[in-house]
């Protein structure tokens, strides 16, 4: 009996460690992706062309992966959610996110990308008539103060041809992603990630097709070089495919709340990679904004947990 108990403890500890390693890798992939994307545009690819490459490449990878997973039929009621999730959450989000990096610096964009939970709450209030607690409202307000600090103090990185425009585009992209999270909340519990994501990426690829004819005219094709193509391969494999694959088992091993906390590490890895690549320099205003947003999200999370416990009682 003692042997079985000790094996169970070791298994739980091992699973907990694996889950944290999975999410640490995913956070690194997402953070470095911001800097790598910044390095590619507009010198090698336009925002539309890179979003098309990422969405279409991700679509192909998820459909190949689905060949090794047991097929699940999609319920008729879920098709509309997958279609809108793909168009808004993949097509709209990725295009606006990449376009924001055309104008703004990567550290600012990475900080703004921590805002989707706040927008999810607002979408729930406006469209789903949910009633968050006062603490959740305060947390959202604090997070938006952090975003305002980023936008109003715009940096001077390599890319910042129009930092305010880029920051606002980044905010728009987080709104798209927040809508995506709300739309596919139901299907995400009903289907395996690969099964759902292959359809979401397929529908997201429809608007991306409009950028394909211009791809042969991009510098990365006309004047091919090793580094840009390695960066494209990294974007396709790591943040687009592997990060999503790693997140699902991590949620089962360490829980959704701990998984969500890793989102706050993304700006850290984006900052490190941007500075090392010479794309940006860290400013005190960015550190302050990051701290304010994290504090706001902590308040929101605490308020949500209190409300959930109260509701369960």
Protein backbone atom coordinates (compact mmCIF):
# COMPACT_ATOMS: atom_id res chain seq x y z
CA UNK A 1 0.00 0.00 0.00
CA UNK A 2 2.81 2.40 0.93
CA UNK A 3 4.54 1.62 -2.37
CA UNK A 4 1.39 2.47 -4.33
CA UNK A 5 0.95 5.72 -2.39
CA UNK A 6 4.56 6.75 -3.01
CA UNK A 7 4.23 5.91 -6.72
CA UNK A 8 1.08 8.05 -6.85
CA UNK A 9 2.85 10.96 -5.17
CA UNK A 10 5.80 10.68 -7.55
CA UNK A 11 3.36 10.51 -10.46
CA UNK A 12 1.54 13.64 -9.29
CA UNK A 13 4.80 15.51 -8.78
CA UNK A 14 6.08 14.35 -12.16
CA UNK A 15 2.86 15.42 -13.87
CA UNK A 16 2.98 18.81 -12.13
CA UNK A 17 6.57 19.35 -13.28
CA UNK A 18 5.75 18.26 -16.85
CA UNK A 19 2.78 20.60 -16.98
CA UNK A 20 4.91 23.55 -15.89
CA UNK A 21 7.65 22.67 -18.38
CA UNK A 22 5.05 22.51 -21.17
CA UNK A 23 3.72 25.96 -20.32
CA UNK A 24 7.20 27.43 -19.84
CA UNK A 25 8.07 26.27 -23.38
CA UNK A 26 4.80 27.68 -24.73
CA UNK A 27 5.43 31.05 -23.04
CA UNK A 28 8.97 31.14 -24.48
CA UNK A 29 7.63 30.33 -27.96
CA UNK A 30 4.98 33.07 -27.76
CA UNK A 31 7.40 35.64 -26.38
CA UNK A 32 10.18 34.99 -28.89
CA UNK A 33 7.58 34.89 -31.67
CA UNK A 34 6.84 38.59 -31.10
CA UNK A 35 10.47 39.53 -31.67
CA UNK A 36 10.93 37.17 -34.61
CA UNK A 37 7.78 38.49 -36.28
CA UNK A 38 9.05 42.03 -35.75
CA UNK A 39 12.33 41.09 -37.43
CA UNK A 40 10.53 39.79 -40.52
CA UNK A 41 8.26 42.76 -41.25
CA UNK A 42 8.29 44.87 -43.27
CA UNK A 43 11.78 44.09 -44.57
CA UNK A 44 11.10 40.53 -45.70
CA UNK A 45 7.32 40.11 -45.64
CA UNK A 46 4.25 42.31 -45.37
CA UNK A 47 1.83 41.82 -42.48
CA UNK A 48 -0.81 40.28 -44.73
CA UNK A 49 1.64 37.91 -46.37
CA UNK A 50 3.15 36.74 -43.07
CA UNK A 51 -0.30 36.22 -41.55
CA UNK A 52 -1.25 34.17 -44.62
CA UNK A 53 1.89 32.04 -44.29
CA UNK A 54 1.25 31.47 -40.59
CA UNK A 55 -2.46 30.68 -40.91
CA UNK A 56 -2.14 28.45 -43.99
CA UNK A 57 0.95 26.73 -42.58
CA UNK A 58 -0.79 26.16 -39.25
CA UNK A 59 -3.83 24.81 -41.08
CA UNK A 60 -1.70 22.26 -42.93
CA UNK A 61 0.09 21.18 -39.74
CA UNK A 62 -3.14 20.70 -37.77
CA UNK A 63 -4.76 18.72 -40.58
CA UNK A 64 -1.69 16.46 -40.78
CA UNK A 65 -1.76 16.02 -36.98
CA UNK A 66 -5.48 15.16 -37.13
CA UNK A 67 -4.62 12.08 -39.20
CA UNK A 68 -3.08 10.56 -36.06
CA UNK A 69 -6.03 11.40 -33.77
CA UNK A 70 -9.39 9.65 -33.60
CA UNK A 71 -11.92 11.65 -35.61
CA UNK A 72 -14.73 13.43 -33.77
CA UNK A 73 -17.92 14.52 -35.57
CA UNK A 74 -18.75 18.22 -35.20
CA UNK A 75 -22.24 18.98 -33.92
CA UNK A 76 -24.36 21.14 -36.22
CA UNK A 77 -24.77 23.82 -33.55
CA UNK A 78 -20.97 24.21 -33.26
CA UNK A 79 -20.21 24.89 -36.93
CA UNK A 80 -21.19 28.56 -36.67
CA UNK A 81 -18.91 28.97 -33.65
CA UNK A 82 -15.96 27.36 -35.44
CA UNK A 83 -16.52 29.52 -38.54
CA UNK A 84 -16.69 32.81 -36.62
CA UNK A 85 -13.91 31.67 -34.30
CA UNK A 86 -11.68 31.07 -37.31
CA UNK A 87 -12.53 34.31 -39.09
CA UNK A 88 -12.29 36.54 -36.01
CA UNK A 89 -9.92 34.70 -33.68
CA UNK A 90 -7.42 33.39 -36.20
CA UNK A 91 -7.81 35.53 -39.33
CA UNK A 92 -8.56 38.84 -37.64
CA UNK A 93 -6.38 38.36 -34.58
CA UNK A 94 -3.22 37.22 -36.37
CA UNK A 95 -3.46 39.86 -39.11
CA UNK A 96 -3.95 42.73 -36.66
CA UNK A 97 -1.29 41.36 -34.29
CA UNK A 98 1.31 41.11 -37.07
CA UNK A 99 0.27 44.49 -38.51
CA UNK A 100 0.72 46.09 -35.08
CA UNK A 101 4.36 44.99 -35.12
CA UNK A 102 4.77 46.81 -38.44
CA UNK A 103 4.41 50.10 -36.54
CA UNK A 104 5.04 49.51 -32.83
CA UNK A 105 7.96 48.05 -30.92
CA UNK A 106 7.80 44.42 -29.73
CA UNK A 107 7.96 45.08 -25.97
CA UNK A 108 4.93 47.39 -26.06
CA UNK A 109 2.97 44.86 -28.14
CA UNK A 110 3.89 42.00 -25.80
CA UNK A 111 2.59 43.95 -22.80
CA UNK A 112 -0.70 44.75 -24.54
CA UNK A 113 -1.11 41.07 -25.43
CA UNK A 114 -1.80 40.30 -21.76
CA UNK A 115 -5.17 42.10 -21.99
CA UNK A 116 -7.53 39.44 -23.47
CA UNK A 117 -8.85 38.30 -20.03
CA UNK A 118 -10.02 41.86 -19.34
CA UNK A 119 -11.82 42.06 -22.68
CA UNK A 120 -13.37 38.63 -22.11
CA UNK A 121 -15.03 40.03 -18.97
CA UNK A 122 -16.31 43.11 -20.82
CA UNK A 123 -17.65 41.00 -23.69
CA UNK A 124 -19.46 38.83 -21.14
CA UNK A 125 -21.04 41.93 -19.58
CA UNK A 126 -22.09 43.54 -22.88
CA UNK A 127 -23.20 40.53 -24.93
CA UNK A 128 -23.85 37.71 -22.46
CA UNK A 129 -25.29 39.82 -19.61
CA UNK A 130 -22.89 38.37 -17.05
CA UNK A 131 -22.45 40.16 -13.73
CA UNK A 132 -18.82 40.30 -12.56
CA UNK A 133 -17.95 41.32 -9.01
CA UNK A 134 -16.80 44.82 -8.09
CA UNK A 135 -13.25 43.52 -7.68
CA UNK A 136 -13.30 42.19 -11.25
CA UNK A 137 -14.38 45.59 -12.55
CA UNK A 138 -11.57 47.23 -10.55
CA UNK A 139 -9.07 44.73 -11.95
CA UNK A 140 -10.17 45.45 -15.52
CA UNK A 141 -9.89 49.21 -14.91
CA UNK A 142 -6.39 48.83 -13.48
CA UNK A 143 -5.33 46.69 -16.45
CA UNK A 144 -6.57 49.33 -18.88
CA UNK A 145 -4.55 51.96 -16.99
CA UNK A 146 -1.48 49.81 -17.67
CA UNK A 147 -2.38 49.62 -21.37
CA UNK A 148 -2.86 53.39 -21.45
CA UNK A 149 0.65 53.86 -20.03
CA UNK A 150 2.03 51.75 -22.90
CA UNK A 151 0.09 53.64 -25.58
CA UNK A 152 0.72 57.16 -24.26
CA UNK A 153 4.44 56.68 -23.61
CA UNK A 154 5.14 54.90 -26.96
CA UNK A 155 8.71 53.69 -27.33
CA UNK A 156 11.41 54.28 -29.86
CA UNK A 157 12.32 50.77 -30.97
CA UNK A 158 13.58 49.75 -34.36
CA UNK A 159 10.11 49.58 -35.81
CA UNK A 160 8.32 52.45 -34.22
CA UNK A 161 7.32 54.36 -37.34
CA UNK A 162 4.00 55.06 -35.58
CA UNK A 163 3.99 53.54 -32.11
CA UNK A 164 0.53 54.79 -31.11
CA UNK A 165 -1.06 53.31 -34.26
CA UNK A 166 0.77 50.03 -33.65
CA UNK A 167 -0.31 49.91 -30.00
CA UNK A 168 -3.95 50.57 -30.96
CA UNK A 169 -3.78 47.80 -33.58
CA UNK A 170 -2.40 45.50 -30.86
CA UNK A 171 -5.39 46.41 -28.66
CA UNK A 172 -7.72 45.61 -31.58
CA UNK A 173 -6.02 42.24 -32.00
CA UNK A 174 -6.54 41.41 -28.31
CA UNK A 175 -10.24 42.26 -28.69
CA UNK A 176 -10.44 39.79 -31.60
CA UNK A 177 -8.71 37.13 -29.51
CA UNK A 178 -11.04 37.79 -26.58
CA UNK A 179 -14.06 37.29 -28.88
CA UNK A 180 -12.40 34.07 -30.06
CA UNK A 181 -12.07 32.81 -26.48
CA UNK A 182 -15.74 33.52 -25.81
CA UNK A 183 -16.95 32.01 -29.11
CA UNK A 184 -15.06 28.72 -28.87
CA UNK A 185 -15.42 28.24 -25.11
CA UNK A 186 -18.10 25.58 -25.62
CA UNK A 187 -16.43 23.66 -28.48
CA UNK A 188 -13.08 23.70 -26.64
CA UNK A 189 -14.61 21.48 -23.94
CA UNK A 190 -16.33 19.19 -26.45
CA UNK A 191 -13.52 18.39 -28.89
CA UNK A 192 -9.83 17.54 -28.86
CA UNK A 193 -7.61 20.56 -29.62
CA UNK A 194 -6.38 19.13 -32.93
CA UNK A 195 -9.92 18.30 -34.05
CA UNK A 196 -11.16 21.81 -33.26
CA UNK A 197 -8.11 23.76 -34.40
CA UNK A 198 -7.93 22.12 -37.82
CA UNK A 199 -11.37 23.57 -38.60
CA UNK A 200 -10.73 26.90 -36.90
CA UNK A 201 -7.52 27.40 -38.91
CA UNK A 202 -9.25 26.26 -42.10
CA UNK A 203 -11.96 28.91 -41.77
CA UNK A 204 -9.35 31.48 -40.70
CA UNK A 205 -7.40 30.68 -43.87
CA UNK A 206 -10.22 31.91 -46.14
CA UNK A 207 -9.43 35.66 -45.88
CA UNK A 208 -5.70 34.84 -45.84
CA UNK A 209 -6.00 33.50 -49.41
CA UNK A 210 -6.28 37.09 -50.70
CA UNK A 211 -2.62 37.70 -49.77
CA UNK A 212 -1.25 34.62 -51.56
CA UNK A 213 -0.93 36.20 -55.07
CA UNK A 214 1.47 38.84 -53.71
CA UNK A 215 3.74 36.34 -51.91
CA UNK A 216 6.07 35.73 -54.91
CA UNK A 217 6.81 39.47 -54.99
CA UNK A 218 8.03 39.60 -51.37
CA UNK A 219 11.78 40.14 -50.66
CA UNK A 220 11.98 36.81 -48.79
CA UNK A 221 11.18 35.06 -52.09
CA UNK A 222 12.99 37.41 -54.49
CA UNK A 223 16.17 37.55 -52.36
CA UNK A 224 16.06 34.35 -50.27
CA UNK A 225 18.26 34.20 -47.18
CA UNK A 226 18.71 31.52 -44.51
CA UNK A 227 17.80 33.57 -41.40
CA UNK A 228 14.37 34.81 -42.56
CA UNK A 229 13.36 31.33 -43.67
CA UNK A 230 14.52 29.83 -40.37
CA UNK A 231 12.42 32.48 -38.60
CA UNK A 232 9.39 31.51 -40.71
CA UNK A 233 9.89 27.83 -39.85
CA UNK A 234 10.14 28.74 -36.15
CA UNK A 235 6.89 30.76 -36.32
CA UNK A 236 5.04 27.88 -37.99
CA UNK A 237 6.31 25.08 -35.75
CA UNK A 238 6.69 26.65 -32.31
CA UNK A 239 4.16 29.42 -31.50
CA UNK A 240 1.58 28.34 -34.11
CA UNK A 241 1.59 24.55 -33.68
CA UNK A 242 3.59 23.25 -30.71
CA UNK A 243 2.45 25.91 -28.22
CA UNK A 244 -1.21 24.96 -28.80
CA UNK A 245 -0.37 21.25 -28.56
CA UNK A 246 1.52 21.77 -25.28
CA UNK A 247 -1.21 23.87 -23.67
CA UNK A 248 -3.90 21.16 -23.67
CA UNK A 249 -2.02 18.49 -21.63
CA UNK A 250 -0.69 21.27 -19.37
CA UNK A 251 -4.26 22.27 -18.48
CA UNK A 252 -4.98 18.70 -17.44
CA UNK A 253 -1.76 18.41 -15.40
CA UNK A 254 -1.67 21.75 -13.57
CA UNK A 255 -5.10 23.31 -14.12
CA UNK A 256 -6.41 26.24 -16.14
CA UNK A 257 -5.62 28.89 -13.49
CA UNK A 258 -1.90 28.08 -13.34
CA UNK A 259 -1.79 27.81 -17.14
CA UNK A 260 -3.26 31.32 -17.45
CA UNK A 261 -0.53 32.76 -15.20
CA UNK A 262 2.12 31.82 -17.76
CA UNK A 263 0.62 34.46 -20.10
CA UNK A 264 2.33 37.05 -17.89
CA UNK A 265 5.74 35.57 -18.72
CA UNK A 266 5.27 36.28 -22.43
CA UNK A 267 6.33 39.96 -22.13
CA UNK A 268 9.41 38.84 -20.18
CA UNK A 269 10.60 36.51 -22.94
CA UNK A 270 9.58 39.02 -25.62
CA UNK A 271 11.65 41.69 -23.86
CA UNK A 272 14.71 39.44 -23.49
CA UNK A 273 14.59 38.31 -27.12
CA UNK A 274 13.91 41.83 -28.46
CA UNK A 275 16.84 43.30 -26.55
CA UNK A 276 19.19 40.45 -27.57
CA UNK A 277 18.13 40.83 -31.23
CA UNK A 278 18.64 44.60 -31.09
CA UNK A 279 14.98 45.30 -31.92
CA UNK A 280 14.08 47.34 -28.86
CA UNK A 281 15.30 48.67 -25.53
CA UNK A 282 13.52 48.34 -22.20
CA UNK A 283 12.11 51.52 -20.65
CA UNK A 284 10.88 52.14 -17.11
CA UNK A 285 7.43 53.06 -18.43
CA UNK A 286 7.16 49.57 -19.91
CA UNK A 287 8.14 47.96 -16.60
CA UNK A 288 5.53 50.08 -14.81
CA UNK A 289 2.84 49.22 -17.36
CA UNK A 290 3.64 45.51 -17.10
CA UNK A 291 3.38 45.65 -13.29
CA UNK A 292 0.07 47.57 -13.42
CA UNK A 293 -1.51 45.13 -15.90
CA UNK A 294 -0.39 42.10 -13.90
CA UNK A 295 -1.79 43.70 -10.71
CA UNK A 296 -5.07 44.34 -12.50
CA UNK A 297 -5.31 40.77 -13.75
CA UNK A 298 -4.49 39.46 -10.26
CA UNK A 299 -7.39 41.49 -8.84
CA UNK A 300 -9.67 40.24 -11.60
CA UNK A 301 -8.69 36.64 -10.99
CA UNK A 302 -9.19 36.97 -7.24
CA UNK A 303 -12.60 38.54 -7.73
CA UNK A 304 -13.61 35.80 -10.15
CA UNK A 305 -12.59 33.06 -7.72
CA UNK A 306 -14.47 34.72 -4.86
CA UNK A 307 -17.59 35.01 -7.02
CA UNK A 308 -17.29 31.38 -8.11
CA UNK A 309 -16.96 30.15 -4.52
CA UNK A 310 -19.93 32.29 -3.44
CA UNK A 311 -22.03 30.97 -6.33
CA UNK A 312 -21.14 27.35 -5.47
CA UNK A 313 -22.26 27.88 -1.89
